[in-house]
PDB file of N, CA and C in Angstrom:
ATOM      1  N   UNK A   1      35.960  -2.681  20.901  1.00  0.00           N
ATOM      2  CA  UNK A   1      35.489  -3.902  21.528  1.00  0.00           C
ATOM      3  C   UNK A   1      36.686  -4.840  21.720  1.00  0.00           C
ATOM      4  N   UNK A   2      36.767  -5.393  22.917  1.00  0.00           N
ATOM      5  CA  UNK A   2      37.868  -6.329  23.153  1.00  0.00           C
ATOM      6  C   UNK A   2      37.413  -7.758  22.850  1.00  0.00           C
ATOM      7  N   UNK A   3      38.358  -8.657  22.925  1.00  0.00           N
ATOM      8  CA  UNK A   3      38.105 -10.054  22.588  1.00  0.00           C
ATOM      9  C   UNK A   3      37.084 -10.697  23.530  1.00  0.00           C
ATOM     10  N   UNK A   4      37.108 -10.348  24.814  1.00  0.00           N
ATOM     11  CA  UNK A   4      36.109 -10.880  25.742  1.00  0.00           C
ATOM     12  C   UNK A   4      34.703 -10.482  25.313  1.00  0.00           C
ATOM     13  N   UNK A   5      34.518  -9.239  24.946  1.00  0.00           N
ATOM     14  CA  UNK A   5      33.197  -8.803  24.493  1.00  0.00           C
ATOM     15  C   UNK A   5      32.770  -9.550  23.210  1.00  0.00           C
ATOM     16  N   UNK A   6      33.692  -9.784  22.316  1.00  0.00           N
ATOM     17  CA  UNK A   6      33.409 -10.510  21.094  1.00  0.00           C
ATOM     18  C   UNK A   6      32.954 -11.965  21.475  1.00  0.00           C
ATOM     19  N   UNK A   7      33.651 -12.544  22.408  1.00  0.00           N
ATOM     20  CA  UNK A   7      33.285 -13.895  22.825  1.00  0.00           C
ATOM     21  C   UNK A   7      31.927 -13.921  23.513  1.00  0.00           C
ATOM     22  N   UNK A   8      31.640 -12.878  24.285  1.00  0.00           N
ATOM     23  CA  UNK A   8      30.280 -12.818  24.905  1.00  0.00           C
ATOM     24  C   UNK A   8      29.220 -12.711  23.834  1.00  0.00           C
ATOM     25  N   UNK A   9      29.482 -11.915  22.816  1.00  0.00           N
ATOM     26  CA  UNK A   9      28.507 -11.774  21.727  1.00  0.00           C
ATOM     27  C   UNK A   9      28.316 -13.096  20.984  1.00  0.00           C
ATOM     28  N   UNK A  10      29.401 -13.792  20.762  1.00  0.00           N
ATOM     29  CA  UNK A  10      29.302 -15.131  20.124  1.00  0.00           C
ATOM     30  C   UNK A  10      28.569 -16.085  21.032  1.00  0.00           C
ATOM     31  N   UNK A  11      28.776 -16.017  22.305  1.00  0.00           N
ATOM     32  CA  UNK A  11      28.079 -16.913  23.250  1.00  0.00           C
ATOM     33  C   UNK A  11      26.571 -16.584  23.264  1.00  0.00           C
ATOM     34  N   UNK A  12      26.216 -15.307  23.189  1.00  0.00           N
ATOM     35  CA  UNK A  12      24.835 -14.892  23.084  1.00  0.00           C
ATOM     36  C   UNK A  12      24.193 -15.443  21.813  1.00  0.00           C
ATOM     37  N   UNK A  13      24.881 -15.330  20.716  1.00  0.00           N
ATOM     38  CA  UNK A  13      24.386 -15.861  19.460  1.00  0.00           C
ATOM     39  C   UNK A  13      24.228 -17.388  19.549  1.00  0.00           C
ATOM     40  N   UNK A  14      25.170 -18.053  20.149  1.00  0.00           N
ATOM     41  CA  UNK A  14      25.091 -19.481  20.363  1.00  0.00           C
ATOM     42  C   UNK A  14      23.814 -19.873  21.129  1.00  0.00           C
ATOM     43  N   UNK A  15      23.558 -19.136  22.195  1.00  0.00           N
ATOM     44  CA  UNK A  15      22.344 -19.390  22.979  1.00  0.00           C
ATOM     45  C   UNK A  15      21.092 -19.150  22.165  1.00  0.00           C
ATOM     46  N   UNK A  16      21.053 -18.091  21.378  1.00  0.00           N
ATOM     47  CA  UNK A  16      19.914 -17.823  20.551  1.00  0.00           C
ATOM     48  C   UNK A  16      19.688 -18.920  19.544  1.00  0.00           C
ATOM     49  N   UNK A  17      20.770 -19.419  18.979  1.00  0.00           N
ATOM     50  CA  UNK A  17      20.647 -20.492  17.985  1.00  0.00           C
ATOM     51  C   UNK A  17      20.030 -21.741  18.644  1.00  0.00           C
ATOM     52  N   UNK A  18      20.471 -22.062  19.864  1.00  0.00           N
ATOM     53  CA  UNK A  18      19.961 -23.211  20.554  1.00  0.00           C
ATOM     54  C   UNK A  18      18.512 -23.077  20.893  1.00  0.00           C
ATOM     55  N   UNK A  19      18.096 -21.823  21.137  1.00  0.00           N
ATOM     56  CA  UNK A  19      16.684 -21.555  21.546  1.00  0.00           C
ATOM     57  C   UNK A  19      15.733 -21.380  20.348  1.00  0.00           C
ATOM     58  N   UNK A  20      16.307 -21.153  19.170  1.00  0.00           N
ATOM     59  CA  UNK A  20      15.459 -20.905  17.965  1.00  0.00           C
ATOM     60  C   UNK A  20      14.629 -22.146  17.657  1.00  0.00           C
ATOM     61  N   UNK A  21      13.397 -21.885  17.241  1.00  0.00           N
ATOM     62  CA  UNK A  21      12.486 -22.939  16.852  1.00  0.00           C
ATOM     63  C   UNK A  21      12.545 -23.071  15.333  1.00  0.00           C
ATOM     64  N   UNK A  22      13.131 -24.161  14.868  1.00  0.00           N
ATOM     65  CA  UNK A  22      13.227 -24.381  13.423  1.00  0.00           C
ATOM     66  C   UNK A  22      11.857 -24.625  12.774  1.00  0.00           C
ATOM     67  N   UNK A  23      11.703 -24.171  11.546  1.00  0.00           N
ATOM     68  CA  UNK A  23      10.430 -24.363  10.860  1.00  0.00           C
ATOM     69  C   UNK A  23      10.405 -25.696  10.122  1.00  0.00           C
ATOM     70  N   UNK A  24      11.557 -26.260   9.859  1.00  0.00           N
ATOM     71  CA  UNK A  24      11.610 -27.561   9.172  1.00  0.00           C
ATOM     72  C   UNK A  24      12.914 -28.228   9.514  1.00  0.00           C
ATOM     73  N   UNK A  25      13.103 -29.458   9.028  1.00  0.00           N
ATOM     74  CA  UNK A  25      14.278 -30.235   9.348  1.00  0.00           C
ATOM     75  C   UNK A  25      15.542 -29.593   8.780  1.00  0.00           C
ATOM     76  N   UNK A  26      15.458 -28.995   7.620  1.00  0.00           N
ATOM     77  CA  UNK A  26      16.614 -28.346   7.010  1.00  0.00           C
ATOM     78  C   UNK A  26      17.027 -27.135   7.861  1.00  0.00           C
ATOM     79  N   UNK A  27      16.071 -26.337   8.324  1.00  0.00           N
ATOM     80  CA  UNK A  27      16.411 -25.211   9.205  1.00  0.00           C
ATOM     81  C   UNK A  27      17.034 -25.712  10.499  1.00  0.00           C
ATOM     82  N   UNK A  28      16.481 -26.748  11.066  1.00  0.00           N
ATOM     83  CA  UNK A  28      17.032 -27.289  12.302  1.00  0.00           C
ATOM     84  C   UNK A  28      18.479 -27.733  12.124  1.00  0.00           C
ATOM     85  N   UNK A  29      18.769 -28.385  11.045  1.00  0.00           N
ATOM     86  CA  UNK A  29      20.138 -28.827  10.750  1.00  0.00           C
ATOM     87  C   UNK A  29      21.038 -27.632  10.599  1.00  0.00           C
ATOM     88  N   UNK A  30      20.592 -26.607   9.915  1.00  0.00           N
ATOM     89  CA  UNK A  30      21.405 -25.401   9.708  1.00  0.00           C
ATOM     90  C   UNK A  30      21.679 -24.691  11.023  1.00  0.00           C
ATOM     91  N   UNK A  31      20.659 -24.563  11.855  1.00  0.00           N
ATOM     92  CA  UNK A  31      20.833 -23.913  13.178  1.00  0.00           C
ATOM     93  C   UNK A  31      21.814 -24.732  14.011  1.00  0.00           C
ATOM     94  N   UNK A  32      21.686 -26.003  14.014  1.00  0.00           N
ATOM     95  CA  UNK A  32      22.573 -26.878  14.794  1.00  0.00           C
ATOM     96  C   UNK A  32      24.031 -26.796  14.322  1.00  0.00           C
ATOM     97  N   UNK A  33      24.205 -26.787  12.991  1.00  0.00           N
ATOM     98  CA  UNK A  33      25.564 -26.674  12.407  1.00  0.00           C
ATOM     99  C   UNK A  33      26.209 -25.343  12.833  1.00  0.00           C
ATOM    100  N   UNK A  34      25.462 -24.272  12.717  1.00  0.00           N
ATOM    101  CA  UNK A  34      25.991 -22.986  13.063  1.00  0.00           C
ATOM    102  C   UNK A  34      26.294 -22.885  14.527  1.00  0.00           C
ATOM    103  N   UNK A  35      25.423 -23.450  15.387  1.00  0.00           N
ATOM    104  CA  UNK A  35      25.695 -23.439  16.830  1.00  0.00           C
ATOM    105  C   UNK A  35      26.961 -24.231  17.150  1.00  0.00           C
ATOM    106  N   UNK A  36      27.154 -25.373  16.444  1.00  0.00           N
ATOM    107  CA  UNK A  36      28.355 -26.168  16.676  1.00  0.00           C
ATOM    108  C   UNK A  36      29.623 -25.409  16.201  1.00  0.00           C
ATOM    109  N   UNK A  37      29.490 -24.710  15.105  1.00  0.00           N
ATOM    110  CA  UNK A  37      30.637 -23.939  14.599  1.00  0.00           C
ATOM    111  C   UNK A  37      31.030 -22.851  15.596  1.00  0.00           C
ATOM    112  N   UNK A  38      30.029 -22.152  16.122  1.00  0.00           N
ATOM    113  CA  UNK A  38      30.286 -21.083  17.115  1.00  0.00           C
ATOM    114  C   UNK A  38      30.897 -21.685  18.377  1.00  0.00           C
ATOM    115  N   UNK A  39      30.390 -22.814  18.842  1.00  0.00           N
ATOM    116  CA  UNK A  39      30.939 -23.483  20.017  1.00  0.00           C
ATOM    117  C   UNK A  39      32.410 -23.834  19.772  1.00  0.00           C
ATOM    118  N   UNK A  40      32.731 -24.284  18.570  1.00  0.00           N
ATOM    119  CA  UNK A  40      34.104 -24.630  18.238  1.00  0.00           C
ATOM    120  C   UNK A  40      35.016 -23.415  18.352  1.00  0.00           C
ATOM    121  N   UNK A  41      34.549 -22.298  17.817  1.00  0.00           N
ATOM    122  CA  UNK A  41      35.347 -21.075  17.913  1.00  0.00           C
ATOM    123  C   UNK A  41      35.533 -20.626  19.359  1.00  0.00           C
ATOM    124  N   UNK A  42      34.464 -20.684  20.101  1.00  0.00           N
ATOM    125  CA  UNK A  42      34.517 -20.295  21.534  1.00  0.00           C
ATOM    126  C   UNK A  42      35.489 -21.201  22.303  1.00  0.00           C
ATOM    127  N   UNK A  43      35.405 -22.494  22.042  1.00  0.00           N
ATOM    128  CA  UNK A  43      36.264 -23.454  22.758  1.00  0.00           C
ATOM    129  C   UNK A  43      37.728 -23.278  22.325  1.00  0.00           C
ATOM    130  N   UNK A  44      37.966 -22.900  21.088  1.00  0.00           N
ATOM    131  CA  UNK A  44      39.325 -22.727  20.595  1.00  0.00           C
ATOM    132  C   UNK A  44      39.995 -21.467  21.139  1.00  0.00           C
ATOM    133  N   UNK A  45      39.156 -20.482  21.523  1.00  0.00           N
ATOM    134  CA  UNK A  45      39.655 -19.226  22.042  1.00  0.00           C
ATOM    135  C   UNK A  45      40.713 -18.582  21.163  1.00  0.00           C
ATOM    136  N   UNK A  46      40.367 -18.350  19.910  1.00  0.00           N
ATOM    137  CA  UNK A  46      41.350 -17.754  19.009  1.00  0.00           C
ATOM    138  C   UNK A  46      41.729 -16.334  19.456  1.00  0.00           C
ATOM    139  N   UNK A  47      42.863 -15.910  19.038  1.00  0.00           N
ATOM    140  CA  UNK A  47      43.343 -14.570  19.325  1.00  0.00           C
ATOM    141  C   UNK A  47      43.392 -13.763  18.006  1.00  0.00           C
ATOM    142  N   UNK A  48      43.471 -12.469  18.124  1.00  0.00           N
ATOM    143  CA  UNK A  48      43.584 -11.678  16.876  1.00  0.00           C
ATOM    144  C   UNK A  48      44.786 -12.091  16.038  1.00  0.00           C
ATOM    145  N   UNK A  49      45.823 -12.618  16.683  1.00  0.00           N
ATOM    146  CA  UNK A  49      47.007 -13.072  15.988  1.00  0.00           C
ATOM    147  C   UNK A  49      46.763 -14.379  15.231  1.00  0.00           C
ATOM    148  N   UNK A  50      45.824 -15.176  15.721  1.00  0.00           N
ATOM    149  CA  UNK A  50      45.426 -16.405  15.043  1.00  0.00           C
ATOM    150  C   UNK A  50      43.975 -16.340  14.665  1.00  0.00           C
ATOM    151  N   UNK A  51      43.644 -15.446  13.768  1.00  0.00           N
ATOM    152  CA  UNK A  51      42.240 -15.047  13.516  1.00  0.00           C
ATOM    153  C   UNK A  51      41.550 -15.929  12.486  1.00  0.00           C
ATOM    154  N   UNK A  52      42.181 -16.968  11.990  1.00  0.00           N
ATOM    155  CA  UNK A  52      41.541 -17.803  10.959  1.00  0.00           C
ATOM    156  C   UNK A  52      40.153 -18.338  11.397  1.00  0.00           C
ATOM    157  N   UNK A  53      39.988 -18.808  12.622  1.00  0.00           N
ATOM    158  CA  UNK A  53      38.621 -19.224  13.032  1.00  0.00           C
ATOM    159  C   UNK A  53      37.570 -18.137  12.919  1.00  0.00           C
ATOM    160  N   UNK A  54      37.993 -16.899  13.159  1.00  0.00           N
ATOM    161  CA  UNK A  54      37.079 -15.762  13.022  1.00  0.00           C
ATOM    162  C   UNK A  54      36.689 -15.545  11.554  1.00  0.00           C
ATOM    163  N   UNK A  55      37.671 -15.670  10.651  1.00  0.00           N
ATOM    164  CA  UNK A  55      37.416 -15.470   9.247  1.00  0.00           C
ATOM    165  C   UNK A  55      36.434 -16.521   8.724  1.00  0.00           C
ATOM    166  N   UNK A  56      36.660 -17.773   9.102  1.00  0.00           N
ATOM    167  CA  UNK A  56      35.752 -18.824   8.674  1.00  0.00           C
ATOM    168  C   UNK A  56      34.365 -18.632   9.241  1.00  0.00           C
ATOM    169  N   UNK A  57      34.297 -18.202  10.487  1.00  0.00           N
ATOM    170  CA  UNK A  57      32.988 -17.921  11.125  1.00  0.00           C
ATOM    171  C   UNK A  57      32.273 -16.802  10.433  1.00  0.00           C
ATOM    172  N   UNK A  58      32.945 -15.761  10.091  1.00  0.00           N
ATOM    173  CA  UNK A  58      32.356 -14.644   9.433  1.00  0.00           C
ATOM    174  C   UNK A  58      31.716 -15.045   8.107  1.00  0.00           C
ATOM    175  N   UNK A  59      32.355 -15.865   7.383  1.00  0.00           N
ATOM    176  CA  UNK A  59      31.818 -16.376   6.109  1.00  0.00           C
ATOM    177  C   UNK A  59      30.555 -17.176   6.352  1.00  0.00           C
ATOM    178  N   UNK A  60      30.594 -18.058   7.338  1.00  0.00           N
ATOM    179  CA  UNK A  60      29.432 -18.894   7.641  1.00  0.00           C
ATOM    180  C   UNK A  60      28.256 -18.032   8.131  1.00  0.00           C
ATOM    181  N   UNK A  61      28.563 -16.993   8.913  1.00  0.00           N
ATOM    182  CA  UNK A  61      27.498 -16.119   9.403  1.00  0.00           C
ATOM    183  C   UNK A  61      26.840 -15.350   8.294  1.00  0.00           C
ATOM    184  N   UNK A  62      27.648 -14.929   7.275  1.00  0.00           N
ATOM    185  CA  UNK A  62      27.063 -14.196   6.145  1.00  0.00           C
ATOM    186  C   UNK A  62      26.055 -15.114   5.426  1.00  0.00           C
ATOM    187  N   UNK A  63      26.419 -16.349   5.249  1.00  0.00           N
ATOM    188  CA  UNK A  63      25.535 -17.281   4.578  1.00  0.00           C
ATOM    189  C   UNK A  63      24.276 -17.505   5.448  1.00  0.00           C
ATOM    190  N   UNK A  64      24.424 -17.561   6.764  1.00  0.00           N
ATOM    191  CA  UNK A  64      23.302 -17.800   7.673  1.00  0.00           C
ATOM    192  C   UNK A  64      22.304 -16.666   7.620  1.00  0.00           C
ATOM    193  N   UNK A  65      22.772 -15.458   7.492  1.00  0.00           N
ATOM    194  CA  UNK A  65      21.849 -14.298   7.418  1.00  0.00           C
ATOM    195  C   UNK A  65      20.862 -14.511   6.272  1.00  0.00           C
ATOM    196  N   UNK A  66      21.395 -14.855   5.122  1.00  0.00           N
ATOM    197  CA  UNK A  66      20.565 -15.056   3.932  1.00  0.00           C
ATOM    198  C   UNK A  66      19.582 -16.246   4.189  1.00  0.00           C
ATOM    199  N   UNK A  67      20.086 -17.289   4.800  1.00  0.00           N
ATOM    200  CA  UNK A  67      19.254 -18.487   5.016  1.00  0.00           C
ATOM    201  C   UNK A  67      18.134 -18.228   6.004  1.00  0.00           C
ATOM    202  N   UNK A  68      18.409 -17.479   7.067  1.00  0.00           N
ATOM    203  CA  UNK A  68      17.412 -17.387   8.146  1.00  0.00           C
ATOM    204  C   UNK A  68      16.715 -16.034   8.238  1.00  0.00           C
ATOM    205  N   UNK A  69      16.967 -15.120   7.344  1.00  0.00           N
ATOM    206  CA  UNK A  69      16.343 -13.794   7.472  1.00  0.00           C
ATOM    207  C   UNK A  69      14.825 -13.818   7.414  1.00  0.00           C
ATOM    208  N   UNK A  70      14.261 -14.707   6.620  1.00  0.00           N
ATOM    209  CA  UNK A  70      12.767 -14.753   6.533  1.00  0.00           C
ATOM    210  C   UNK A  70      12.186 -15.564   7.687  1.00  0.00           C
ATOM    211  N   UNK A  71      12.785 -16.669   8.043  1.00  0.00           N
ATOM    212  CA  UNK A  71      12.213 -17.542   9.079  1.00  0.00           C
ATOM    213  C   UNK A  71      12.559 -17.117  10.505  1.00  0.00           C
ATOM    214  N   UNK A  72      13.694 -16.464  10.681  1.00  0.00           N
ATOM    215  CA  UNK A  72      14.157 -16.074  12.013  1.00  0.00           C
ATOM    216  C   UNK A  72      14.725 -14.670  11.955  1.00  0.00           C
ATOM    217  N   UNK A  73      13.879 -13.637  11.811  1.00  0.00           N
ATOM    218  CA  UNK A  73      14.386 -12.313  11.606  1.00  0.00           C
ATOM    219  C   UNK A  73      15.213 -11.710  12.796  1.00  0.00           C
ATOM    220  N   UNK A  74      14.810 -12.044  14.029  1.00  0.00           N
ATOM    221  CA  UNK A  74      15.581 -11.546  15.168  1.00  0.00           C
ATOM    222  C   UNK A  74      16.940 -12.209  15.226  1.00  0.00           C
ATOM    223  N   UNK A  75      16.978 -13.497  14.983  1.00  0.00           N
ATOM    224  CA  UNK A  75      18.243 -14.218  14.959  1.00  0.00           C
ATOM    225  C   UNK A  75      19.139 -13.638  13.867  1.00  0.00           C
ATOM    226  N   UNK A  76      18.585 -13.314  12.731  1.00  0.00           N
ATOM    227  CA  UNK A  76      19.385 -12.725  11.653  1.00  0.00           C
ATOM    228  C   UNK A  76      19.972 -11.390  12.052  1.00  0.00           C
ATOM    229  N   UNK A  77      19.225 -10.610  12.849  1.00  0.00           N
ATOM    230  CA  UNK A  77      19.776  -9.337  13.334  1.00  0.00           C
ATOM    231  C   UNK A  77      20.938  -9.548  14.240  1.00  0.00           C
ATOM    232  N   UNK A  78      20.849 -10.554  15.095  1.00  0.00           N
ATOM    233  CA  UNK A  78      21.959 -10.860  16.004  1.00  0.00           C
ATOM    234  C   UNK A  78      23.177 -11.322  15.186  1.00  0.00           C
ATOM    235  N   UNK A  79      22.922 -12.157  14.198  1.00  0.00           N
ATOM    236  CA  UNK A  79      24.037 -12.610  13.319  1.00  0.00           C
ATOM    237  C   UNK A  79      24.711 -11.433  12.645  1.00  0.00           C
ATOM    238  N   UNK A  80      23.888 -10.507  12.150  1.00  0.00           N
ATOM    239  CA  UNK A  80      24.435  -9.304  11.505  1.00  0.00           C
ATOM    240  C   UNK A  80      25.304  -8.489  12.490  1.00  0.00           C
ATOM    241  N   UNK A  81      24.857  -8.391  13.745  1.00  0.00           N
ATOM    242  CA  UNK A  81      25.675  -7.681  14.735  1.00  0.00           C
ATOM    243  C   UNK A  81      27.049  -8.348  14.924  1.00  0.00           C
ATOM    244  N   UNK A  82      27.031  -9.661  14.962  1.00  0.00           N
ATOM    245  CA  UNK A  82      28.292 -10.374  15.109  1.00  0.00           C
ATOM    246  C   UNK A  82      29.200 -10.126  13.883  1.00  0.00           C
ATOM    247  N   UNK A  83      28.616 -10.175  12.709  1.00  0.00           N
ATOM    248  CA  UNK A  83      29.392  -9.913  11.491  1.00  0.00           C
ATOM    249  C   UNK A  83      29.981  -8.513  11.556  1.00  0.00           C
ATOM    250  N   UNK A  84      29.178  -7.540  11.929  1.00  0.00           N
ATOM    251  CA  UNK A  84      29.662  -6.124  11.987  1.00  0.00           C
ATOM    252  C   UNK A  84      30.758  -6.040  13.046  1.00  0.00           C
ATOM    253  N   UNK A  85      30.603  -6.752  14.166  1.00  0.00           N
ATOM    254  CA  UNK A  85      31.644  -6.730  15.205  1.00  0.00           C
ATOM    255  C   UNK A  85      32.946  -7.332  14.717  1.00  0.00           C
ATOM    256  N   UNK A  86      32.851  -8.411  14.025  1.00  0.00           N
ATOM    257  CA  UNK A  86      34.027  -9.032  13.464  1.00  0.00           C
ATOM    258  C   UNK A  86      34.730  -8.109  12.439  1.00  0.00           C
ATOM    259  N   UNK A  87      33.917  -7.399  11.668  1.00  0.00           N
ATOM    260  CA  UNK A  87      34.463  -6.473  10.700  1.00  0.00           C
ATOM    261  C   UNK A  87      35.180  -5.296  11.432  1.00  0.00           C
ATOM    262  N   UNK A  88      34.563  -4.799  12.508  1.00  0.00           N
ATOM    263  CA  UNK A  88      35.186  -3.706  13.261  1.00  0.00           C
ATOM    264  C   UNK A  88      36.481  -4.182  13.936  1.00  0.00           C
ATOM    265  N   UNK A  89      36.441  -5.459  14.308  1.00  0.00           N
ATOM    266  CA  UNK A  89      37.595  -6.050  14.991  1.00  0.00           C
ATOM    267  C   UNK A  89      38.719  -6.185  13.954  1.00  0.00           C
ATOM    268  N   UNK A  90      38.401  -5.966  12.693  1.00  0.00           N
ATOM    269  CA  UNK A  90      39.360  -6.034  11.571  1.00  0.00           C
ATOM    270  C   UNK A  90      39.959  -7.392  11.437  1.00  0.00           C
ATOM    271  N   UNK A  91      39.118  -8.404  11.575  1.00  0.00           N
ATOM    272  CA  UNK A  91      39.590  -9.801  11.502  1.00  0.00           C
ATOM    273  C   UNK A  91      39.282 -10.342  10.126  1.00  0.00           C
TER     274      UNK A  91
END
């Protein structure tokens, strides 16, 4: 997978986060934070040589899977795909 594909996957996840219907105020805040974090990474356009934004995002995504797996199972699956992609990208 090349970097453009990774960014498309992140953009897809960003769109899903914006479309997700939160079950409570805490979930809404978490979804919004994660969407903002992804937007920041996409806007920064990191490269494999400057992969720190990817590392930070991977950690946040791992936490998000745990947080949203019961309330947003499809979203959690997409998040897991992004985590796997980042791992394959060896970032």
